[in-house]
């Protein structure tokens, strides 16, 4: 008759967006800054 509601045990988060290479590079720099490191970060891409 209708769908019932389900409360997620863990929230299903949305993602922030970037639209060009400069913004992607800036995201990587924010990660480095927040981790206080100069190490190369390993990413998973899909």
ModelCIF file with pLDDT and N, C-alpha, C, O atoms, coordinates in Angstrom:
data_MODEL
#
_entry.id   MODEL 
#
_entity.id                         1 
_entity.type                       polymer 
_entity.pdbx_number_of_molecules   1 
#
_entity_poly.entity_id                      1 
_entity_poly.type                           'polypeptide(L)' 
_entity_poly.nstd_linkage                   no 
_entity_poly.nstd_monomer                   no 
_entity_poly.pdbx_seq_one_letter_code       
;(UNK)(UNK)(UNK)(UNK)(UNK)(UNK)(UNK)(UNK)(UNK)(UNK)(UNK)(UNK)(UNK)(UNK)(UNK)(UNK)
(UNK)(UNK)(UNK)(UNK)(UNK)(UNK)(UNK)(UNK)(UNK)(UNK)(UNK)(UNK)(UNK)(UNK)(UNK)(UNK)
(UNK)(UNK)(UNK)(UNK)(UNK)(UNK)(UNK)(UNK)(UNK)(UNK)(UNK)(UNK)(UNK)(UNK)
;
_entity_poly.pdbx_seq_one_letter_code_can   XXXXXXXXXXXXXXXXXXXXXXXXXXXXXXXXXXXXXXXXXXXXXX 
_entity_poly.pdbx_strand_id                 A 
#
loop_
_entity_poly_seq.entity_id 
_entity_poly_seq.num 
_entity_poly_seq.mon_id 
_entity_poly_seq.hetero 
1 1  UNK n 
1 2  UNK n 
1 3  UNK n 
1 4  UNK n 
1 5  UNK n 
1 6  UNK n 
1 7  UNK n 
1 8  UNK n 
1 9  UNK n 
1 10 UNK n 
1 11 UNK n 
1 12 UNK n 
1 13 UNK n 
1 14 UNK n 
1 15 UNK n 
1 16 UNK n 
1 17 UNK n 
1 18 UNK n 
1 19 UNK n 
1 20 UNK n 
1 21 UNK n 
1 22 UNK n 
1 23 UNK n 
1 24 UNK n 
1 25 UNK n 
1 26 UNK n 
1 27 UNK n 
1 28 UNK n 
1 29 UNK n 
1 30 UNK n 
1 31 UNK n 
1 32 UNK n 
1 33 UNK n 
1 34 UNK n 
1 35 UNK n 
1 36 UNK n 
1 37 UNK n 
1 38 UNK n 
1 39 UNK n 
1 40 UNK n 
1 41 UNK n 
1 42 UNK n 
1 43 UNK n 
1 44 UNK n 
1 45 UNK n 
1 46 UNK n 
#
_struct_asym.id          A 
_struct_asym.entity_id   1 
#
loop_
_ma_qa_metric.id 
_ma_qa_metric.mode 
_ma_qa_metric.name 
_ma_qa_metric.software_group_id 
_ma_qa_metric.type 
1 global pLDDT . pLDDT 
2 local  pLDDT . pLDDT 
#
_ma_qa_metric_global.metric_id      1 
_ma_qa_metric_global.metric_value   93.89 
_ma_qa_metric_global.model_id       1 
_ma_qa_metric_global.ordinal_id     1 
#
loop_
_ma_qa_metric_local.label_asym_id 
_ma_qa_metric_local.label_comp_id 
_ma_qa_metric_local.label_seq_id 
_ma_qa_metric_local.metric_id 
_ma_qa_metric_local.metric_value 
_ma_qa_metric_local.model_id 
_ma_qa_metric_local.ordinal_id 
A UNK 1  2 76.00 1 1  
A UNK 2  2 85.00 1 2  
A UNK 3  2 90.00 1 3  
A UNK 4  2 93.00 1 4  
A UNK 5  2 93.00 1 5  
A UNK 6  2 93.00 1 6  
A UNK 7  2 94.00 1 7  
A UNK 8  2 94.00 1 8  
A UNK 9  2 94.00 1 9  
A UNK 10 2 93.00 1 10 
A UNK 11 2 92.00 1 11 
A UNK 12 2 92.00 1 12 
A UNK 13 2 88.00 1 13 
A UNK 14 2 87.00 1 14 
A UNK 15 2 91.00 1 15 
A UNK 16 2 90.00 1 16 
A UNK 17 2 89.00 1 17 
A UNK 18 2 91.00 1 18 
A UNK 19 2 87.00 1 19 
A UNK 20 2 90.00 1 20 
A UNK 21 2 95.00 1 21 
A UNK 22 2 96.00 1 22 
A UNK 23 2 95.00 1 23 
A UNK 24 2 97.00 1 24 
A UNK 25 2 97.00 1 25 
A UNK 26 2 97.00 1 26 
A UNK 27 2 97.00 1 27 
A UNK 28 2 98.00 1 28 
A UNK 29 2 97.00 1 29 
A UNK 30 2 97.00 1 30 
A UNK 31 2 97.00 1 31 
A UNK 32 2 97.00 1 32 
A UNK 33 2 97.00 1 33 
A UNK 34 2 96.00 1 34 
A UNK 35 2 97.00 1 35 
A UNK 36 2 97.00 1 36 
A UNK 37 2 96.00 1 37 
A UNK 38 2 94.00 1 38 
A UNK 39 2 96.00 1 39 
A UNK 40 2 97.00 1 40 
A UNK 41 2 98.00 1 41 
A UNK 42 2 98.00 1 42 
A UNK 43 2 98.00 1 43 
A UNK 44 2 98.00 1 44 
A UNK 45 2 98.00 1 45 
A UNK 46 2 97.00 1 46 
#
loop_
_atom_site.group_PDB 
_atom_site.id 
_atom_site.type_symbol 
_atom_site.label_atom_id 
_atom_site.label_alt_id 
_atom_site.label_comp_id 
_atom_site.label_asym_id 
_atom_site.label_entity_id 
_atom_site.label_seq_id 
_atom_site.pdbx_PDB_ins_code 
_atom_site.Cartn_x 
_atom_site.Cartn_y 
_atom_site.Cartn_z 
_atom_site.occupancy 
_atom_site.B_iso_or_equiv 
_atom_site.pdbx_formal_charge 
_atom_site.auth_seq_id 
_atom_site.auth_comp_id 
_atom_site.auth_asym_id 
_atom_site.auth_atom_id 
_atom_site.pdbx_PDB_model_num 
ATOM 1   N N  . UNK A 1 1  ? 0.835  -1.198 0.000   1.00 76.00 ? 1  UNK A N  1 
ATOM 2   C CA . UNK A 1 1  ? 0.000  0.000  0.000   1.00 76.00 ? 1  UNK A CA 1 
ATOM 3   C C  . UNK A 1 1  ? 0.873  1.252  0.000   1.00 76.00 ? 1  UNK A C  1 
ATOM 4   O O  . UNK A 1 1  ? 0.539  2.255  -0.631  1.00 76.00 ? 1  UNK A O  1 
ATOM 5   N N  . UNK A 1 2  ? 1.994  1.181  0.716   1.00 85.00 ? 2  UNK A N  1 
ATOM 6   C CA . UNK A 1 2  ? 2.936  2.294  0.766   1.00 85.00 ? 2  UNK A CA 1 
ATOM 7   C C  . UNK A 1 2  ? 4.243  1.783  1.356   1.00 85.00 ? 2  UNK A C  1 
ATOM 8   O O  . UNK A 1 2  ? 4.284  0.693  1.926   1.00 85.00 ? 2  UNK A O  1 
ATOM 9   N N  . UNK A 1 3  ? 5.304  2.561  1.222   1.00 90.00 ? 3  UNK A N  1 
ATOM 10  C CA . UNK A 1 3  ? 6.584  2.196  1.812   1.00 90.00 ? 3  UNK A CA 1 
ATOM 11  C C  . UNK A 1 3  ? 6.610  2.621  3.279   1.00 90.00 ? 3  UNK A C  1 
ATOM 12  O O  . UNK A 1 3  ? 6.111  3.687  3.641   1.00 90.00 ? 3  UNK A O  1 
ATOM 13  N N  . UNK A 1 4  ? 7.196  1.778  4.106   1.00 93.00 ? 4  UNK A N  1 
ATOM 14  C CA . UNK A 1 4  ? 7.404  2.160  5.506   1.00 93.00 ? 4  UNK A CA 1 
ATOM 15  C C  . UNK A 1 4  ? 8.767  2.831  5.639   1.00 93.00 ? 4  UNK A C  1 
ATOM 16  O O  . UNK A 1 4  ? 9.628  2.677  4.773   1.00 93.00 ? 4  UNK A O  1 
ATOM 17  N N  . UNK A 1 5  ? 8.958  3.566  6.715   1.00 93.00 ? 5  UNK A N  1 
ATOM 18  C CA . UNK A 1 5  ? 10.204 4.290  6.924   1.00 93.00 ? 5  UNK A CA 1 
ATOM 19  C C  . UNK A 1 5  ? 11.193 3.440  7.716   1.00 93.00 ? 5  UNK A C  1 
ATOM 20  O O  . UNK A 1 5  ? 10.812 2.623  8.555   1.00 93.00 ? 5  UNK A O  1 
ATOM 21  N N  . UNK A 1 6  ? 12.474 3.657  7.424   1.00 93.00 ? 6  UNK A N  1 
ATOM 22  C CA . UNK A 1 6  ? 13.555 2.949  8.098   1.00 93.00 ? 6  UNK A CA 1 
ATOM 23  C C  . UNK A 1 6  ? 14.555 3.975  8.621   1.00 93.00 ? 6  UNK A C  1 
ATOM 24  O O  . UNK A 1 6  ? 15.018 4.833  7.869   1.00 93.00 ? 6  UNK A O  1 
ATOM 25  N N  . UNK A 1 7  ? 14.882 3.889  9.894   1.00 94.00 ? 7  UNK A N  1 
ATOM 26  C CA . UNK A 1 7  ? 15.929 4.747  10.458  1.00 94.00 ? 7  UNK A CA 1 
ATOM 27  C C  . UNK A 1 7  ? 17.266 4.039  10.296  1.00 94.00 ? 7  UNK A C  1 
ATOM 28  O O  . UNK A 1 7  ? 17.448 2.925  10.788  1.00 94.00 ? 7  UNK A O  1 
ATOM 29  N N  . UNK A 1 8  ? 18.198 4.682  9.609   1.00 94.00 ? 8  UNK A N  1 
ATOM 30  C CA . UNK A 1 8  ? 19.496 4.065  9.366   1.00 94.00 ? 8  UNK A CA 1 
ATOM 31  C C  . UNK A 1 8  ? 20.286 3.936  10.676  1.00 94.00 ? 8  UNK A C  1 
ATOM 32  O O  . UNK A 1 8  ? 20.354 4.877  11.467  1.00 94.00 ? 8  UNK A O  1 
ATOM 33  N N  . UNK A 1 9  ? 20.879 2.756  10.890  1.00 94.00 ? 9  UNK A N  1 
ATOM 34  C CA . UNK A 1 9  ? 21.706 2.543  12.075  1.00 94.00 ? 9  UNK A CA 1 
ATOM 35  C C  . UNK A 1 9  ? 22.904 3.487  12.075  1.00 94.00 ? 9  UNK A C  1 
ATOM 36  O O  . UNK A 1 9  ? 23.320 3.975  13.127  1.00 94.00 ? 9  UNK A O  1 
ATOM 37  N N  . UNK A 1 10 ? 23.455 3.741  10.889  1.00 93.00 ? 10 UNK A N  1 
ATOM 38  C CA . UNK A 1 10 ? 24.491 4.757  10.691  1.00 93.00 ? 10 UNK A CA 1 
ATOM 39  C C  . UNK A 1 10 ? 24.009 5.669  9.577   1.00 93.00 ? 10 UNK A C  1 
ATOM 40  O O  . UNK A 1 10 ? 23.535 5.177  8.553   1.00 93.00 ? 10 UNK A O  1 
ATOM 41  N N  . UNK A 1 11 ? 24.113 6.989  9.744   1.00 92.00 ? 11 UNK A N  1 
ATOM 42  C CA . UNK A 1 11 ? 23.610 7.907  8.705   1.00 92.00 ? 11 UNK A CA 1 
ATOM 43  C C  . UNK A 1 11 ? 24.245 7.628  7.343   1.00 92.00 ? 11 UNK A C  1 
ATOM 44  O O  . UNK A 1 11 ? 25.411 7.243  7.257   1.00 92.00 ? 11 UNK A O  1 
ATOM 45  N N  . UNK A 1 12 ? 23.472 7.826  6.300   1.00 92.00 ? 12 UNK A N  1 
ATOM 46  C CA . UNK A 1 12 ? 23.990 7.743  4.933   1.00 92.00 ? 12 UNK A CA 1 
ATOM 47  C C  . UNK A 1 12 ? 24.358 9.158  4.506   1.00 92.00 ? 12 UNK A C  1 
ATOM 48  O O  . UNK A 1 12 ? 23.498 9.948  4.117   1.00 92.00 ? 12 UNK A O  1 
ATOM 49  N N  . UNK A 1 13 ? 25.645 9.463  4.587   1.00 88.00 ? 13 UNK A N  1 
ATOM 50  C CA . UNK A 1 13 ? 26.116 10.825 4.389   1.00 88.00 ? 13 UNK A CA 1 
ATOM 51  C C  . UNK A 1 13 ? 26.186 11.190 2.912   1.00 88.00 ? 13 UNK A C  1 
ATOM 52  O O  . UNK A 1 13 ? 26.378 10.328 2.054   1.00 88.00 ? 13 UNK A O  1 
ATOM 53  N N  . UNK A 1 14 ? 26.029 12.460 2.632   1.00 87.00 ? 14 UNK A N  1 
ATOM 54  C CA . UNK A 1 14 ? 26.248 12.965 1.283   1.00 87.00 ? 14 UNK A CA 1 
ATOM 55  C C  . UNK A 1 14 ? 27.705 13.398 1.161   1.00 87.00 ? 14 UNK A C  1 
ATOM 56  O O  . UNK A 1 14 ? 28.438 13.413 2.150   1.00 87.00 ? 14 UNK A O  1 
ATOM 57  N N  . UNK A 1 15 ? 28.125 13.752 -0.059  1.00 91.00 ? 15 UNK A N  1 
ATOM 58  C CA . UNK A 1 15 ? 29.510 14.157 -0.302  1.00 91.00 ? 15 UNK A CA 1 
ATOM 59  C C  . UNK A 1 15 ? 29.562 15.599 -0.774  1.00 91.00 ? 15 UNK A C  1 
ATOM 60  O O  . UNK A 1 15 ? 28.671 16.052 -1.492  1.00 91.00 ? 15 UNK A O  1 
ATOM 61  N N  . UNK A 1 16 ? 30.593 16.316 -0.377  1.00 90.00 ? 16 UNK A N  1 
ATOM 62  C CA . UNK A 1 16 ? 30.846 17.627 -0.959  1.00 90.00 ? 16 UNK A CA 1 
ATOM 63  C C  . UNK A 1 16 ? 31.363 17.432 -2.376  1.00 90.00 ? 16 UNK A C  1 
ATOM 64  O O  . UNK A 1 16 ? 31.960 16.403 -2.692  1.00 90.00 ? 16 UNK A O  1 
ATOM 65  N N  . UNK A 1 17 ? 31.128 18.439 -3.239  1.00 89.00 ? 17 UNK A N  1 
ATOM 66  C CA . UNK A 1 17 ? 31.506 18.348 -4.644  1.00 89.00 ? 17 UNK A CA 1 
ATOM 67  C C  . UNK A 1 17 ? 32.607 19.325 -5.013  1.00 89.00 ? 17 UNK A C  1 
ATOM 68  O O  . UNK A 1 17 ? 32.712 20.410 -4.440  1.00 89.00 ? 17 UNK A O  1 
ATOM 69  N N  . UNK A 1 18 ? 33.429 18.925 -5.982  1.00 91.00 ? 18 UNK A N  1 
ATOM 70  C CA . UNK A 1 18 ? 34.362 19.846 -6.636  1.00 91.00 ? 18 UNK A CA 1 
ATOM 71  C C  . UNK A 1 18 ? 34.131 19.716 -8.139  1.00 91.00 ? 18 UNK A C  1 
ATOM 72  O O  . UNK A 1 18 ? 33.649 18.689 -8.618  1.00 91.00 ? 18 UNK A O  1 
ATOM 73  N N  . UNK A 1 19 ? 34.486 20.782 -8.883  1.00 87.00 ? 19 UNK A N  1 
ATOM 74  C CA . UNK A 1 19 ? 34.136 20.816 -10.290 1.00 87.00 ? 19 UNK A CA 1 
ATOM 75  C C  . UNK A 1 19 ? 35.320 21.052 -11.213 1.00 87.00 ? 19 UNK A C  1 
ATOM 76  O O  . UNK A 1 19 ? 35.162 21.073 -12.434 1.00 87.00 ? 19 UNK A O  1 
ATOM 77  N N  . UNK A 1 20 ? 36.507 21.231 -10.638 1.00 90.00 ? 20 UNK A N  1 
ATOM 78  C CA . UNK A 1 20 ? 37.693 21.373 -11.497 1.00 90.00 ? 20 UNK A CA 1 
ATOM 79  C C  . UNK A 1 20 ? 38.920 20.865 -10.744 1.00 90.00 ? 20 UNK A C  1 
ATOM 80  O O  . UNK A 1 20 ? 38.857 20.572 -9.550  1.00 90.00 ? 20 UNK A O  1 
ATOM 81  N N  . UNK A 1 21 ? 40.034 20.768 -11.465 1.00 95.00 ? 21 UNK A N  1 
ATOM 82  C CA . UNK A 1 21 ? 41.250 20.179 -10.910 1.00 95.00 ? 21 UNK A CA 1 
ATOM 83  C C  . UNK A 1 21 ? 41.818 21.009 -9.770  1.00 95.00 ? 21 UNK A C  1 
ATOM 84  O O  . UNK A 1 21 ? 42.380 20.460 -8.822  1.00 95.00 ? 21 UNK A O  1 
ATOM 85  N N  . UNK A 1 22 ? 41.678 22.322 -9.854  1.00 96.00 ? 22 UNK A N  1 
ATOM 86  C CA . UNK A 1 22 ? 42.194 23.186 -8.790  1.00 96.00 ? 22 UNK A CA 1 
ATOM 87  C C  . UNK A 1 22 ? 41.466 22.903 -7.478  1.00 96.00 ? 22 UNK A C  1 
ATOM 88  O O  . UNK A 1 22 ? 42.083 22.892 -6.412  1.00 96.00 ? 22 UNK A O  1 
ATOM 89  N N  . UNK A 1 23 ? 40.154 22.676 -7.555  1.00 95.00 ? 23 UNK A N  1 
ATOM 90  C CA . UNK A 1 23 ? 39.387 22.387 -6.342  1.00 95.00 ? 23 UNK A CA 1 
ATOM 91  C C  . UNK A 1 23 ? 39.749 21.017 -5.778  1.00 95.00 ? 23 UNK A C  1 
ATOM 92  O O  . UNK A 1 23 ? 39.758 20.831 -4.561  1.00 95.00 ? 23 UNK A O  1 
ATOM 93  N N  . UNK A 1 24 ? 40.049 20.057 -6.655  1.00 97.00 ? 24 UNK A N  1 
ATOM 94  C CA . UNK A 1 24 ? 40.470 18.738 -6.180  1.00 97.00 ? 24 UNK A CA 1 
ATOM 95  C C  . UNK A 1 24 ? 41.826 18.833 -5.490  1.00 97.00 ? 24 UNK A C  1 
ATOM 96  O O  . UNK A 1 24 ? 42.043 18.214 -4.449  1.00 97.00 ? 24 UNK A O  1 
ATOM 97  N N  . UNK A 1 25 ? 42.731 19.603 -6.067  1.00 97.00 ? 25 UNK A N  1 
ATOM 98  C CA . UNK A 1 25 ? 44.051 19.817 -5.454  1.00 97.00 ? 25 UNK A CA 1 
ATOM 99  C C  . UNK A 1 25 ? 43.902 20.512 -4.109  1.00 97.00 ? 25 UNK A C  1 
ATOM 100 O O  . UNK A 1 25 ? 44.619 20.196 -3.160  1.00 97.00 ? 25 UNK A O  1 
ATOM 101 N N  . UNK A 1 26 ? 42.966 21.464 -4.024  1.00 97.00 ? 26 UNK A N  1 
ATOM 102 C CA . UNK A 1 26 ? 42.728 22.169 -2.759  1.00 97.00 ? 26 UNK A CA 1 
ATOM 103 C C  . UNK A 1 26 ? 42.170 21.217 -1.702  1.00 97.00 ? 26 UNK A C  1 
ATOM 104 O O  . UNK A 1 26 ? 42.512 21.330 -0.525  1.00 97.00 ? 26 UNK A O  1 
ATOM 105 N N  . UNK A 1 27 ? 41.314 20.280 -2.116  1.00 97.00 ? 27 UNK A N  1 
ATOM 106 C CA . UNK A 1 27 ? 40.802 19.268 -1.183  1.00 97.00 ? 27 UNK A CA 1 
ATOM 107 C C  . UNK A 1 27 ? 41.958 18.444 -0.615  1.00 97.00 ? 27 UNK A C  1 
ATOM 108 O O  . UNK A 1 27 ? 42.018 18.207 0.592   1.00 97.00 ? 27 UNK A O  1 
ATOM 109 N N  . UNK A 1 28 ? 42.869 18.011 -1.478  1.00 98.00 ? 28 UNK A N  1 
ATOM 110 C CA . UNK A 1 28 ? 44.020 17.236 -1.018  1.00 98.00 ? 28 UNK A CA 1 
ATOM 111 C C  . UNK A 1 28 ? 44.842 18.040 -0.019  1.00 98.00 ? 28 UNK A C  1 
ATOM 112 O O  . UNK A 1 28 ? 45.322 17.487 0.970   1.00 98.00 ? 28 UNK A O  1 
ATOM 113 N N  . UNK A 1 29 ? 45.011 19.335 -0.264  1.00 97.00 ? 29 UNK A N  1 
ATOM 114 C CA . UNK A 1 29 ? 45.794 20.167 0.652   1.00 97.00 ? 29 UNK A CA 1 
ATOM 115 C C  . UNK A 1 29 ? 45.095 20.296 1.999   1.00 97.00 ? 29 UNK A C  1 
ATOM 116 O O  . UNK A 1 29 ? 45.751 20.322 3.040   1.00 97.00 ? 29 UNK A O  1 
ATOM 117 N N  . UNK A 1 30 ? 43.770 20.378 1.986   1.00 97.00 ? 30 UNK A N  1 
ATOM 118 C CA . UNK A 1 30 ? 43.027 20.448 3.259   1.00 97.00 ? 30 UNK A CA 1 
ATOM 119 C C  . UNK A 1 30 ? 43.222 19.168 4.063   1.00 97.00 ? 30 UNK A C  1 
ATOM 120 O O  . UNK A 1 30 ? 43.357 19.208 5.286   1.00 97.00 ? 30 UNK A O  1 
ATOM 121 N N  . UNK A 1 31 ? 43.236 18.032 3.368   1.00 97.00 ? 31 UNK A N  1 
ATOM 122 C CA . UNK A 1 31 ? 43.478 16.756 4.056   1.00 97.00 ? 31 UNK A CA 1 
ATOM 123 C C  . UNK A 1 31 ? 44.857 16.765 4.710   1.00 97.00 ? 31 UNK A C  1 
ATOM 124 O O  . UNK A 1 31 ? 45.002 16.392 5.875   1.00 97.00 ? 31 UNK A O  1 
ATOM 125 N N  . UNK A 1 32 ? 45.860 17.190 3.959   1.00 97.00 ? 32 UNK A N  1 
ATOM 126 C CA . UNK A 1 32 ? 47.226 17.256 4.500   1.00 97.00 ? 32 UNK A CA 1 
ATOM 127 C C  . UNK A 1 32 ? 47.290 18.196 5.693   1.00 97.00 ? 32 UNK A C  1 
ATOM 128 O O  . UNK A 1 32 ? 47.909 17.870 6.706   1.00 97.00 ? 32 UNK A O  1 
ATOM 129 N N  . UNK A 1 33 ? 46.661 19.352 5.587   1.00 97.00 ? 33 UNK A N  1 
ATOM 130 C CA . UNK A 1 33 ? 46.696 20.333 6.668   1.00 97.00 ? 33 UNK A CA 1 
ATOM 131 C C  . UNK A 1 33 ? 46.020 19.804 7.928   1.00 97.00 ? 33 UNK A C  1 
ATOM 132 O O  . UNK A 1 33 ? 46.530 19.980 9.034   1.00 97.00 ? 33 UNK A O  1 
ATOM 133 N N  . UNK A 1 34 ? 44.865 19.153 7.756   1.00 96.00 ? 34 UNK A N  1 
ATOM 134 C CA . UNK A 1 34 ? 44.142 18.651 8.928   1.00 96.00 ? 34 UNK A CA 1 
ATOM 135 C C  . UNK A 1 34 ? 44.875 17.495 9.598   1.00 96.00 ? 34 UNK A C  1 
ATOM 136 O O  . UNK A 1 34 ? 44.773 17.296 10.808  1.00 96.00 ? 34 UNK A O  1 
ATOM 137 N N  . UNK A 1 35 ? 45.617 16.736 8.791   1.00 97.00 ? 35 UNK A N  1 
ATOM 138 C CA . UNK A 1 35 ? 46.410 15.637 9.364   1.00 97.00 ? 35 UNK A CA 1 
ATOM 139 C C  . UNK A 1 35 ? 47.791 16.100 9.813   1.00 97.00 ? 35 UNK A C  1 
ATOM 140 O O  . UNK A 1 35 ? 48.546 15.345 10.425  1.00 97.00 ? 35 UNK A O  1 
ATOM 141 N N  . UNK A 1 36 ? 48.109 17.363 9.497   1.00 97.00 ? 36 UNK A N  1 
ATOM 142 C CA . UNK A 1 36 ? 49.401 17.947 9.866   1.00 97.00 ? 36 UNK A CA 1 
ATOM 143 C C  . UNK A 1 36 ? 50.555 17.070 9.369   1.00 97.00 ? 36 UNK A C  1 
ATOM 144 O O  . UNK A 1 36 ? 51.430 16.663 10.134  1.00 97.00 ? 36 UNK A O  1 
ATOM 145 N N  . UNK A 1 37 ? 50.524 16.791 8.050   1.00 96.00 ? 37 UNK A N  1 
ATOM 146 C CA . UNK A 1 37 ? 51.539 15.923 7.469   1.00 96.00 ? 37 UNK A CA 1 
ATOM 147 C C  . UNK A 1 37 ? 51.895 16.383 6.069   1.00 96.00 ? 37 UNK A C  1 
ATOM 148 O O  . UNK A 1 37 ? 51.107 17.055 5.404   1.00 96.00 ? 37 UNK A O  1 
ATOM 149 N N  . UNK A 1 38 ? 53.088 16.016 5.629   1.00 94.00 ? 38 UNK A N  1 
ATOM 150 C CA . UNK A 1 38 ? 53.509 16.238 4.246   1.00 94.00 ? 38 UNK A CA 1 
ATOM 151 C C  . UNK A 1 38 ? 53.559 14.923 3.476   1.00 94.00 ? 38 UNK A C  1 
ATOM 152 O O  . UNK A 1 38 ? 53.947 14.898 2.308   1.00 94.00 ? 38 UNK A O  1 
ATOM 153 N N  . UNK A 1 39 ? 53.163 13.820 4.134   1.00 96.00 ? 39 UNK A N  1 
ATOM 154 C CA . UNK A 1 39 ? 53.201 12.513 3.484   1.00 96.00 ? 39 UNK A CA 1 
ATOM 155 C C  . UNK A 1 39 ? 52.209 12.458 2.321   1.00 96.00 ? 39 UNK A C  1 
ATOM 156 O O  . UNK A 1 39 ? 51.192 13.151 2.319   1.00 96.00 ? 39 UNK A O  1 
ATOM 157 N N  . UNK A 1 40 ? 52.523 11.627 1.344   1.00 97.00 ? 40 UNK A N  1 
ATOM 158 C CA . UNK A 1 40 ? 51.603 11.411 0.229   1.00 97.00 ? 40 UNK A CA 1 
ATOM 159 C C  . UNK A 1 40 ? 50.409 10.591 0.721   1.00 97.00 ? 40 UNK A C  1 
ATOM 160 O O  . UNK A 1 40 ? 50.580 9.531  1.324   1.00 97.00 ? 40 UNK A O  1 
ATOM 161 N N  . UNK A 1 41 ? 49.226 11.081 0.462   1.00 98.00 ? 41 UNK A N  1 
ATOM 162 C CA . UNK A 1 41 ? 48.004 10.406 0.911   1.00 98.00 ? 41 UNK A CA 1 
ATOM 163 C C  . UNK A 1 41 ? 47.584 9.364  -0.131  1.00 98.00 ? 41 UNK A C  1 
ATOM 164 O O  . UNK A 1 41 ? 47.583 9.627  -1.334  1.00 98.00 ? 41 UNK A O  1 
ATOM 165 N N  . UNK A 1 42 ? 47.232 8.188  0.358   1.00 98.00 ? 42 UNK A N  1 
ATOM 166 C CA . UNK A 1 42 ? 46.690 7.154  -0.526  1.00 98.00 ? 42 UNK A CA 1 
ATOM 167 C C  . UNK A 1 42 ? 45.176 7.299  -0.575  1.00 98.00 ? 42 UNK A C  1 
ATOM 168 O O  . UNK A 1 42 ? 44.505 7.343  0.456   1.00 98.00 ? 42 UNK A O  1 
ATOM 169 N N  . UNK A 1 43 ? 44.652 7.372  -1.799  1.00 98.00 ? 43 UNK A N  1 
ATOM 170 C CA . UNK A 1 43 ? 43.212 7.511  -2.001  1.00 98.00 ? 43 UNK A CA 1 
ATOM 171 C C  . UNK A 1 43 ? 42.655 6.255  -2.668  1.00 98.00 ? 43 UNK A C  1 
ATOM 172 O O  . UNK A 1 43 ? 43.374 5.518  -3.343  1.00 98.00 ? 43 UNK A O  1 
ATOM 173 N N  . UNK A 1 44 ? 41.355 6.030  -2.461  1.00 98.00 ? 44 UNK A N  1 
ATOM 174 C CA . UNK A 1 44 ? 40.612 5.034  -3.230  1.00 98.00 ? 44 UNK A CA 1 
ATOM 175 C C  . UNK A 1 44 ? 39.678 5.803  -4.152  1.00 98.00 ? 44 UNK A C  1 
ATOM 176 O O  . UNK A 1 44 ? 38.948 6.688  -3.706  1.00 98.00 ? 44 UNK A O  1 
ATOM 177 N N  . UNK A 1 45 ? 39.700 5.467  -5.432  1.00 98.00 ? 45 UNK A N  1 
ATOM 178 C CA . UNK A 1 45 ? 38.863 6.158  -6.412  1.00 98.00 ? 45 UNK A CA 1 
ATOM 179 C C  . UNK A 1 45 ? 37.879 5.184  -7.021  1.00 98.00 ? 45 UNK A C  1 
ATOM 180 O O  . UNK A 1 45 ? 38.198 4.012  -7.221  1.00 98.00 ? 45 UNK A O  1 
ATOM 181 N N  . UNK A 1 46 ? 36.682 5.666  -7.317  1.00 97.00 ? 46 UNK A N  1 
ATOM 182 C CA . UNK A 1 46 ? 35.670 4.835  -7.957  1.00 97.00 ? 46 UNK A CA 1 
ATOM 183 C C  . UNK A 1 46 ? 34.733 5.730  -8.760  1.00 97.00 ? 46 UNK A C  1 
ATOM 184 O O  . UNK A 1 46 ? 33.796 5.237  -9.388  1.00 97.00 ? 46 UNK A O  1 
#
